Amino acid sequence: MDAYDQAARWRASVPRLTFIPMIEAGAALLALLLFSQALIGPLFADPLDPETSEGLRLLWPPVYLATLVLIAARPLMTLSLVVKAWPLAVLVALTMISAAWSIDPEVTARRALGLIFTTLFAFWFAARFSWRDMIVLIASMYVILAFGSFIAGLLFPSFAIHDSIHPGAWKGLWWEKNTLGAMMAWATLAFVAAAALDTRRRVFWLAMVMPAVALVLLSTSRTSLLACMLAIAGPLMIAMARRSFGHAAFALTGGGVAVALAALVLIVGPGVFLEALGRDATLTGRTDIWEALLVQIGERPWLGYGYGAYWSDERGPVFWLRQATNWPVPTAHNAWLETAAAIGIPGAIVALIVLMQATGRAAMRLFHGRETYWALTYFAIFTIISVSESNLLGQNSLGWVLFCATAAKLAGGERALPPGQAGAEAP
């Protein structure tokens, strides 16, 4: 027996490390739960300034270290995806570079580092798992969060239900009702998408839509209810478009008209849109914040004030914004103004390019690939929510992880298996 045969027999005798994929999946699920900040946020942090919590600061370094270990196990796989999604990588790099001109360089460097590690996890997550497995893991996380919120509401109502500011509204495992509503709106989309890709468990995933919708209703968040409706309508429109040419024409025309009307309303009269969500068009509708912030962005349009720094220095420019609005404003409540204030208008343009690229790639898969049920609907909802929420470039944020993972996965070009094989797709 020659040396080659001996080596082959030795390799065959070594047990295959089949537990490694399970460990990776478990690590991914645990990290997603931590990024959701469910339970740990209300217990350890101030909802207006979670970055000041020492408990949360001690939580993230082990998560970052685990991310580096996971990437080190498959470095080329992750690096390849970073290269393919380079505009997203450039956007995140700008946040760290902004420490050079930040009004609070220490805060910018610390928060940008958190954002970089959050993004690295998202890249690894997208590179490591197939579309099916990635969406199933996301949906599994939301199953845990949904049941956890129901248990908290039923057994610990003083913790999980508002009693003063919004009496009777559920907040579940988070600080306030809008967070629960937003989480369960995204959960609705994840369950519908998982039903499309994981056909063997389709009944289970579709059944999970009902408790997610119930929690949205219990939260009384109107914005989340709109997102929830879109999470159901979006996949239905995609499914309709795939049935026949006539159905496709109807779905595309209806979707185009809806997008055009939404764009017209948001450009000409955003107050109308906000009033439809139960808000007035002044302070609670955010337009006062936007007007005051636009003036200050105009003072530093090219570079901004530094990532995460604008809101941290109470004696800086934010002082005058809060004086103008007569309210301790915590964020811009608009993703694009938030980004422009942090890294300048050019940075906001890069962010817009990243979003448009991802949405375009998702739209190109409209008639093939079941991942489209998640990806295209996700970016449609994300774009709408970005008008009234600062949902871009969030360090240690589940929302940013899902955005980056979905955008990077689309940039990587991987497609789900053809219909009929989706339930058996391998990692």
Protein backbone atom coordinates (compact mmCIF):
# COMPACT_ATOMS: atom_id res chain seq x y z
CA MET A 1 0.00 0.00 0.00
CA ASP A 2 1.53 3.31 -1.05
CA ALA A 3 1.57 6.52 0.96
CA TYR A 4 -1.40 7.99 -0.95
CA ASP A 5 -3.63 5.02 -0.06
CA GLN A 6 -2.53 5.16 3.57
CA ALA A 7 -3.38 8.86 3.74
CA ALA A 8 -6.78 8.23 2.14
CA ARG A 9 -7.58 5.48 4.66
CA TRP A 10 -6.52 7.77 7.53
CA ARG A 11 -8.79 10.59 6.29
CA ALA A 12 -11.68 8.15 6.00
CA SER A 13 -11.13 6.98 9.57
CA VAL A 14 -11.34 10.51 11.01
CA PRO A 15 -14.91 11.37 12.14
CA ARG A 16 -16.50 14.15 10.13
CA LEU A 17 -17.11 17.28 12.19
CA THR A 18 -20.81 17.41 11.41
CA PHE A 19 -21.48 19.35 14.60
CA ILE A 20 -19.66 22.45 13.28
CA PRO A 21 -22.58 23.62 11.09
CA MET A 22 -24.86 23.21 14.11
CA ILE A 23 -22.52 25.30 16.25
CA GLU A 24 -22.40 28.00 13.57
CA ALA A 25 -26.20 28.02 13.27
CA GLY A 26 -26.56 28.19 17.04
CA ALA A 27 -24.05 31.03 17.26
CA ALA A 28 -25.87 32.92 14.51
CA LEU A 29 -29.23 32.50 16.24
CA LEU A 30 -27.83 33.62 19.60
CA ALA A 31 -26.18 36.67 18.03
CA LEU A 32 -29.39 37.65 16.27
CA LEU A 33 -31.25 37.47 19.58
CA LEU A 34 -28.62 39.66 21.23
CA PHE A 35 -28.72 42.20 18.39
CA SER A 36 -32.51 42.42 18.86
CA GLN A 37 -31.75 43.72 22.39
CA ALA A 38 -34.88 41.95 23.59
CA LEU A 39 -35.10 41.84 27.39
CA ILE A 40 -31.48 42.92 27.90
CA GLY A 41 -32.23 46.42 26.64
CA PRO A 42 -35.02 47.30 29.11
CA LEU A 43 -33.14 45.61 31.97
CA PHE A 44 -29.75 47.24 31.47
CA ALA A 45 -30.11 50.40 29.41
CA ASP A 46 -31.75 53.80 29.18
CA PRO A 47 -34.03 53.79 26.11
CA LEU A 48 -33.00 57.36 25.25
CA ASP A 49 -29.28 56.58 25.40
CA PRO A 50 -28.53 52.83 25.47
CA GLU A 51 -24.84 53.48 24.74
CA THR A 52 -24.35 54.76 28.30
CA SER A 53 -25.19 51.37 29.79
CA GLU A 54 -22.14 49.64 31.23
CA GLY A 55 -24.00 46.32 31.16
CA LEU A 56 -24.53 46.50 27.41
CA ARG A 57 -20.97 47.69 26.81
CA LEU A 58 -19.67 44.58 28.55
CA LEU A 59 -22.00 42.39 26.47
CA TRP A 60 -20.72 43.34 23.02
CA PRO A 61 -16.95 42.57 23.17
CA PRO A 62 -17.60 38.79 23.47
CA VAL A 63 -19.99 39.04 20.50
CA TYR A 64 -17.33 40.85 18.47
CA LEU A 65 -14.71 38.27 19.43
CA ALA A 66 -17.03 35.42 18.44
CA THR A 67 -17.61 37.17 15.11
CA LEU A 68 -13.88 37.29 14.44
CA VAL A 69 -13.55 33.58 15.32
CA LEU A 70 -16.40 32.65 12.98
CA ILE A 71 -14.90 34.72 10.15
CA ALA A 72 -11.44 33.27 10.77
CA ALA A 73 -12.85 29.79 10.22
CA ARG A 74 -13.92 30.74 6.67
CA PRO A 75 -12.07 33.99 5.86
CA LEU A 76 -12.07 33.85 2.05
CA MET A 77 -15.81 33.24 1.94
CA THR A 78 -16.55 36.39 3.95
CA LEU A 79 -13.86 38.49 2.23
CA SER A 80 -15.26 37.58 -1.18
CA LEU A 81 -18.67 38.91 -0.19
CA VAL A 82 -17.17 42.12 1.24
CA VAL A 83 -15.47 42.75 -2.11
CA LYS A 84 -18.68 42.11 -4.07
CA ALA A 85 -20.65 44.44 -1.79
CA TRP A 86 -17.93 47.10 -1.70
CA PRO A 87 -20.26 50.17 -1.71
CA LEU A 88 -21.72 48.91 1.57
CA ALA A 89 -18.21 48.40 2.94
CA VAL A 90 -17.27 51.95 1.87
CA LEU A 91 -20.35 53.36 3.59
CA VAL A 92 -19.42 51.70 6.87
CA ALA A 93 -15.76 52.71 6.54
CA LEU A 94 -16.86 56.35 6.22
CA THR A 95 -18.24 56.25 9.75
CA MET A 96 -14.80 55.43 11.19
CA ILE A 97 -13.06 57.94 8.92
CA SER A 98 -15.45 60.63 10.20
CA ALA A 99 -13.66 60.47 13.56
CA ALA A 100 -11.01 62.68 11.91
CA TRP A 101 -13.41 65.65 11.85
CA SER A 102 -15.98 64.61 14.44
CA ILE A 103 -17.10 67.05 17.13
CA ASP A 104 -16.57 64.13 19.55
CA PRO A 105 -13.88 61.85 18.08
CA GLU A 106 -13.91 59.40 21.01
CA VAL A 107 -17.64 58.72 20.69
CA THR A 108 -17.39 58.45 16.91
CA ALA A 109 -14.49 55.96 17.04
CA ARG A 110 -16.21 53.80 19.67
CA ARG A 111 -19.58 53.70 17.96
CA ALA A 112 -18.06 53.25 14.49
CA LEU A 113 -16.10 50.26 15.82
CA GLY A 114 -19.37 48.77 17.05
CA LEU A 115 -20.92 49.40 13.64
CA ILE A 116 -17.99 47.73 11.86
CA PHE A 117 -18.29 44.58 13.95
CA THR A 118 -22.07 44.56 13.50
CA THR A 119 -21.53 44.76 9.75
CA LEU A 120 -18.84 42.07 9.81
CA PHE A 121 -21.27 39.71 11.51
CA ALA A 122 -23.85 40.46 8.82
CA PHE A 123 -21.31 39.72 6.08
CA TRP A 124 -20.35 36.42 7.72
CA PHE A 125 -24.02 35.52 8.22
CA ALA A 126 -24.81 36.16 4.55
CA ALA A 127 -21.70 34.36 3.32
CA ARG A 128 -22.06 31.31 5.55
CA PHE A 129 -25.73 30.43 5.02
CA SER A 130 -27.88 29.86 1.96
CA TRP A 131 -30.92 32.04 1.36
CA ARG A 132 -33.16 29.34 2.80
CA ASP A 133 -31.08 28.77 5.92
CA MET A 134 -30.52 32.47 6.50
CA ILE A 135 -34.22 33.29 6.34
CA VAL A 136 -35.16 30.25 8.43
CA LEU A 137 -32.70 31.35 11.14
CA ILE A 138 -34.16 34.87 11.07
CA ALA A 139 -37.68 33.47 11.31
CA SER A 140 -36.63 31.14 14.16
CA MET A 141 -35.31 34.12 16.08
CA TYR A 142 -38.64 35.88 15.66
CA VAL A 143 -40.50 32.78 16.90
CA ILE A 144 -38.53 33.03 20.15
CA LEU A 145 -39.16 36.78 20.42
CA ALA A 146 -42.88 36.41 19.71
CA PHE A 147 -43.44 33.70 22.30
CA GLY A 148 -41.22 35.54 24.76
CA SER A 149 -43.33 38.68 24.35
CA PHE A 150 -46.57 36.75 24.90
CA ILE A 151 -45.18 35.08 28.01
CA ALA A 152 -43.94 38.42 29.35
CA GLY A 153 -47.31 40.07 28.68
CA LEU A 154 -49.30 37.32 30.36
CA LEU A 155 -47.03 36.60 33.34
CA PHE A 156 -45.31 39.94 33.90
CA PRO A 157 -47.74 42.63 32.68
CA SER A 158 -46.06 45.39 34.70
CA PHE A 159 -42.92 44.80 32.65
CA ALA A 160 -44.40 44.05 29.22
CA ILE A 161 -47.41 46.40 29.09
CA HIS A 162 -47.44 50.20 29.33
CA ASP A 163 -49.29 51.53 32.35
CA SER A 164 -48.93 55.30 32.08
CA ILE A 165 -47.70 56.82 28.79
CA HIS A 166 -49.64 54.41 26.56
CA PRO A 167 -51.89 52.55 28.99
CA GLY A 168 -52.70 49.02 27.86
CA ALA A 169 -50.33 49.00 24.87
CA TRP A 170 -47.98 46.03 24.82
CA LYS A 171 -44.22 46.58 24.65
CA GLY A 172 -43.21 42.94 25.08
CA LEU A 173 -39.47 42.43 25.64
CA TRP A 174 -38.47 45.97 24.65
CA TRP A 175 -38.54 49.54 25.95
CA GLU A 176 -41.74 50.67 24.32
CA LYS A 177 -44.65 49.67 22.13
CA ASN A 178 -43.30 50.88 18.78
CA THR A 179 -40.29 48.60 19.06
CA LEU A 180 -42.49 45.56 19.70
CA GLY A 181 -44.71 46.55 16.77
CA ALA A 182 -41.74 47.00 14.42
CA MET A 183 -40.18 43.70 15.46
CA MET A 184 -43.39 41.79 14.87
CA ALA A 185 -43.98 43.50 11.51
CA TRP A 186 -40.57 42.24 10.38
CA ALA A 187 -41.43 38.88 11.95
CA THR A 188 -44.52 38.68 9.76
CA LEU A 189 -42.39 39.10 6.64
CA ALA A 190 -39.84 36.57 7.90
CA PHE A 191 -42.56 33.97 8.52
CA VAL A 192 -44.10 34.46 5.08
CA ALA A 193 -40.67 34.25 3.41
CA ALA A 194 -39.73 31.16 5.43
CA ALA A 195 -42.96 29.50 4.30
CA ALA A 196 -41.92 30.11 0.69
CA LEU A 197 -38.40 28.70 1.08
CA ASP A 198 -38.83 26.04 3.77
CA THR A 199 -41.67 24.12 2.14
CA ARG A 200 -41.52 21.19 4.55
CA ARG A 201 -42.52 23.46 7.45
CA ARG A 202 -44.76 25.78 5.45
CA VAL A 203 -47.83 25.22 7.64
CA PHE A 204 -45.88 26.08 10.79
CA TRP A 205 -44.44 29.29 9.35
CA LEU A 206 -47.80 30.45 8.04
CA ALA A 207 -49.40 29.68 11.40
CA MET A 208 -46.80 31.92 13.09
CA VAL A 209 -48.09 34.90 11.11
CA MET A 210 -51.19 35.06 13.35
CA PRO A 211 -49.41 35.65 16.70
CA ALA A 212 -47.07 38.16 15.02
CA VAL A 213 -50.03 40.17 13.70
CA ALA A 214 -51.74 39.88 17.09
CA LEU A 215 -48.71 41.43 18.79
CA VAL A 216 -48.64 44.27 16.25
CA LEU A 217 -52.27 44.99 17.11
CA LEU A 218 -51.57 44.76 20.84
CA SER A 219 -48.74 47.26 20.44
CA THR A 220 -51.20 49.80 18.94
CA SER A 221 -48.41 51.07 16.67
CA ARG A 222 -49.97 52.36 13.45
CA THR A 223 -46.69 52.58 11.59
CA SER A 224 -46.01 48.94 12.46
CA LEU A 225 -49.50 47.96 11.36
CA LEU A 226 -48.81 49.55 7.95
CA ALA A 227 -45.49 47.67 7.73
CA CYS A 228 -47.26 44.45 8.74
CA MET A 229 -49.85 44.87 6.00
CA LEU A 230 -47.07 45.46 3.48
CA ALA A 231 -45.24 42.37 4.77
CA ILE A 232 -48.26 40.29 3.77
CA ALA A 233 -49.26 42.21 0.64
CA GLY A 234 -45.73 42.32 -0.82
CA PRO A 235 -45.22 38.54 -1.14
CA LEU A 236 -48.80 38.15 -2.36
CA MET A 237 -48.14 40.67 -5.15
CA ILE A 238 -44.92 38.87 -6.08
CA ALA A 239 -46.73 35.52 -6.17
CA MET A 240 -49.45 37.08 -8.32
CA ALA A 241 -46.88 38.53 -10.73
CA ARG A 242 -45.46 35.03 -11.29
CA ARG A 243 -48.76 33.40 -12.21
CA SER A 244 -49.24 34.77 -15.72
CA PHE A 245 -48.58 37.77 -17.93
CA GLY A 246 -51.94 39.33 -17.05
CA HIS A 247 -51.40 38.91 -13.33
CA ALA A 248 -47.89 40.28 -13.69
CA ALA A 249 -49.16 43.35 -15.54
CA PHE A 250 -51.78 43.97 -12.86
CA ALA A 251 -49.33 43.51 -9.99
CA LEU A 252 -46.61 45.69 -11.55
CA THR A 253 -49.06 48.43 -12.52
CA GLY A 254 -50.62 48.46 -9.07
CA GLY A 255 -47.24 48.46 -7.38
CA GLY A 256 -45.95 51.21 -9.67
CA VAL A 257 -48.96 53.43 -8.99
CA ALA A 258 -48.64 52.87 -5.24
CA VAL A 259 -44.94 53.76 -5.27
CA ALA A 260 -45.56 56.85 -7.42
CA LEU A 261 -48.33 58.08 -5.12
CA ALA A 262 -46.21 57.42 -2.03
CA ALA A 263 -43.28 59.32 -3.56
CA LEU A 264 -45.55 62.24 -4.49
CA VAL A 265 -47.00 62.42 -1.00
CA LEU A 266 -43.60 62.23 0.67
CA ILE A 267 -42.11 64.92 -1.59
CA VAL A 268 -45.04 67.33 -1.76
CA GLY A 269 -46.73 66.82 1.59
CA PRO A 270 -45.15 64.44 4.10
CA GLY A 271 -47.57 65.70 6.72
CA VAL A 272 -50.42 63.94 4.91
CA PHE A 273 -48.54 60.64 5.17
CA LEU A 274 -47.76 61.15 8.84
CA GLU A 275 -51.33 62.13 9.68
CA ALA A 276 -52.49 58.88 8.07
CA LEU A 277 -50.34 57.11 10.64
CA GLY A 278 -52.05 58.93 13.47
CA ARG A 279 -49.49 61.71 13.88
CA ASP A 280 -49.81 65.42 13.33
CA ALA A 281 -47.47 67.21 10.96
CA THR A 282 -45.63 69.21 13.63
CA LEU A 283 -43.49 68.02 16.55
CA THR A 284 -44.93 64.53 16.98
CA GLY A 285 -44.91 64.22 13.20
CA ARG A 286 -41.19 65.04 13.16
CA THR A 287 -41.22 67.84 10.60
CA ASP A 288 -40.12 70.40 13.20
CA ILE A 289 -37.07 68.24 13.91
CA TRP A 290 -36.32 67.90 10.20
CA GLU A 291 -36.54 71.66 9.56
CA ALA A 292 -34.17 72.48 12.43
CA LEU A 293 -31.76 69.69 11.51
CA LEU A 294 -31.67 70.70 7.85
CA VAL A 295 -30.38 74.13 8.89
CA GLN A 296 -27.54 72.55 10.88
CA ILE A 297 -26.70 70.06 8.15
CA GLY A 298 -26.35 73.06 5.85
CA GLU A 299 -23.56 74.35 8.11
CA ARG A 300 -21.47 71.16 7.57
CA PRO A 301 -22.89 69.63 4.39
CA TRP A 302 -19.78 67.83 3.10
CA LEU A 303 -18.47 66.04 6.19
CA GLY A 304 -21.20 66.14 8.81
CA TYR A 305 -20.59 66.18 12.56
CA GLY A 306 -19.11 62.68 12.90
CA TYR A 307 -20.85 59.33 13.21
CA GLY A 308 -22.82 59.14 16.47
CA ALA A 309 -21.42 62.46 17.69
CA TYR A 310 -24.15 64.95 16.85
CA TRP A 311 -26.52 63.69 19.56
CA SER A 312 -23.84 62.96 22.17
CA ASP A 313 -22.61 66.49 22.88
CA GLU A 314 -25.45 68.21 24.72
CA ARG A 315 -23.60 71.52 24.58
CA GLY A 316 -22.96 71.26 20.85
CA PRO A 317 -25.24 71.89 17.85
CA VAL A 318 -27.93 69.56 19.21
CA PHE A 319 -28.54 72.06 22.02
CA TRP A 320 -29.96 74.57 19.57
CA LEU A 321 -32.06 71.93 17.83
CA ARG A 322 -33.62 70.91 21.14
CA GLN A 323 -34.23 74.55 21.98
CA ALA A 324 -35.99 75.04 18.65
CA THR A 325 -38.21 71.97 19.09
CA ASN A 326 -38.66 72.33 22.87
CA TRP A 327 -38.10 68.59 23.24
CA PRO A 328 -35.05 66.41 24.13
CA VAL A 329 -34.88 64.96 20.62
CA PRO A 330 -32.87 61.67 20.66
CA THR A 331 -32.57 61.06 16.90
CA ALA A 332 -33.45 62.67 13.57
CA HIS A 333 -36.40 60.30 13.08
CA ASN A 334 -35.33 60.15 9.45
CA ALA A 335 -32.64 57.84 8.12
CA TRP A 336 -31.34 60.22 5.46
CA LEU A 337 -31.09 63.32 7.64
CA GLU A 338 -29.48 61.20 10.36
CA THR A 339 -26.86 59.95 7.90
CA ALA A 340 -26.23 63.42 6.48
CA ALA A 341 -25.73 64.83 9.97
CA ALA A 342 -23.27 62.04 10.77
CA ILE A 343 -21.13 61.71 7.63
CA GLY A 344 -22.34 64.51 5.37
CA ILE A 345 -24.55 64.68 2.32
CA PRO A 346 -22.05 62.66 0.21
CA GLY A 347 -22.32 59.89 2.82
CA ALA A 348 -26.10 59.99 2.59
CA ILE A 349 -25.80 59.70 -1.20
CA VAL A 350 -23.60 56.60 -0.80
CA ALA A 351 -26.24 55.14 1.53
CA LEU A 352 -28.93 55.87 -1.06
CA ILE A 353 -26.85 54.15 -3.75
CA VAL A 354 -26.48 51.07 -1.53
CA LEU A 355 -30.24 50.93 -0.97
CA MET A 356 -31.03 51.46 -4.67
CA GLN A 357 -28.54 48.78 -5.74
CA ALA A 358 -29.99 46.26 -3.30
CA THR A 359 -33.57 47.07 -4.29
CA GLY A 360 -32.69 46.86 -7.98
CA ARG A 361 -31.03 43.47 -7.53
CA ALA A 362 -34.06 42.21 -5.63
CA ALA A 363 -36.38 43.52 -8.37
CA MET A 364 -34.33 41.70 -11.02
CA ARG A 365 -35.29 38.45 -9.29
CA LEU A 366 -39.00 39.23 -9.36
CA PHE A 367 -39.85 36.26 -11.60
CA HIS A 368 -37.38 33.69 -10.25
CA GLY A 369 -35.89 32.78 -6.91
CA ARG A 370 -37.98 32.49 -3.77
CA GLU A 371 -35.60 34.74 -1.85
CA THR A 372 -37.38 37.63 -3.59
CA TYR A 373 -40.35 37.25 -1.25
CA TRP A 374 -38.06 38.40 1.55
CA ALA A 375 -35.59 40.68 -0.20
CA LEU A 376 -37.81 42.86 -2.38
CA THR A 377 -40.51 43.29 0.26
CA TYR A 378 -37.88 43.95 2.92
CA PHE A 379 -36.34 46.87 1.04
CA ALA A 380 -39.74 48.28 0.09
CA ILE A 381 -40.78 48.40 3.75
CA PHE A 382 -37.34 49.63 4.83
CA THR A 383 -37.54 52.54 2.39
CA ILE A 384 -40.95 53.63 3.68
CA ILE A 385 -39.92 53.38 7.33
CA SER A 386 -36.72 55.33 6.63
CA VAL A 387 -38.86 58.45 6.15
CA SER A 388 -39.86 58.56 9.81
CA GLU A 389 -37.23 56.44 11.59
CA SER A 390 -33.43 56.51 11.77
CA ASN A 391 -32.96 52.93 10.59
CA LEU A 392 -29.61 53.23 8.79
CA LEU A 393 -26.11 52.58 10.19
CA GLY A 394 -27.20 51.30 13.59
CA GLN A 395 -24.41 49.75 15.65
CA ASN A 396 -25.39 46.58 17.56
CA SER A 397 -28.73 46.78 15.77
CA LEU A 398 -30.73 43.84 14.43
CA GLY A 399 -32.21 46.11 11.76
CA TRP A 400 -28.75 46.94 10.40
CA VAL A 401 -27.71 43.26 10.50
CA LEU A 402 -30.73 42.28 8.39
CA PHE A 403 -30.18 45.18 5.98
CA CYS A 404 -26.49 44.35 5.45
CA ALA A 405 -27.00 40.58 5.25
CA THR A 406 -29.76 40.93 2.66
CA ALA A 407 -27.91 43.55 0.59
CA ALA A 408 -24.65 41.57 0.69
CA LYS A 409 -26.39 38.33 -0.21
CA LEU A 410 -27.92 40.00 -3.24
CA ALA A 411 -24.53 41.43 -4.23
CA GLY A 412 -23.03 37.95 -3.94
CA GLY A 413 -25.37 36.69 -6.66
CA GLU A 414 -26.47 33.49 -4.92
CA ARG A 415 -29.94 32.28 -5.83
CA ALA A 416 -32.31 29.93 -4.10
CA LEU A 417 -33.01 26.54 -5.65
CA PRO A 418 -35.79 26.39 -8.25
CA PRO A 419 -39.38 25.94 -7.04
CA GLY A 420 -39.98 22.45 -5.80
CA GLN A 421 -36.46 22.11 -4.36
CA ALA A 422 -36.46 25.04 -1.98
CA GLY A 423 -37.16 22.88 1.01
CA ALA A 424 -34.04 20.86 0.45
CA GLU A 425 -31.51 23.61 -0.20
CA ALA A 426 -28.17 22.92 1.40
CA PRO A 427 -26.08 25.42 3.34
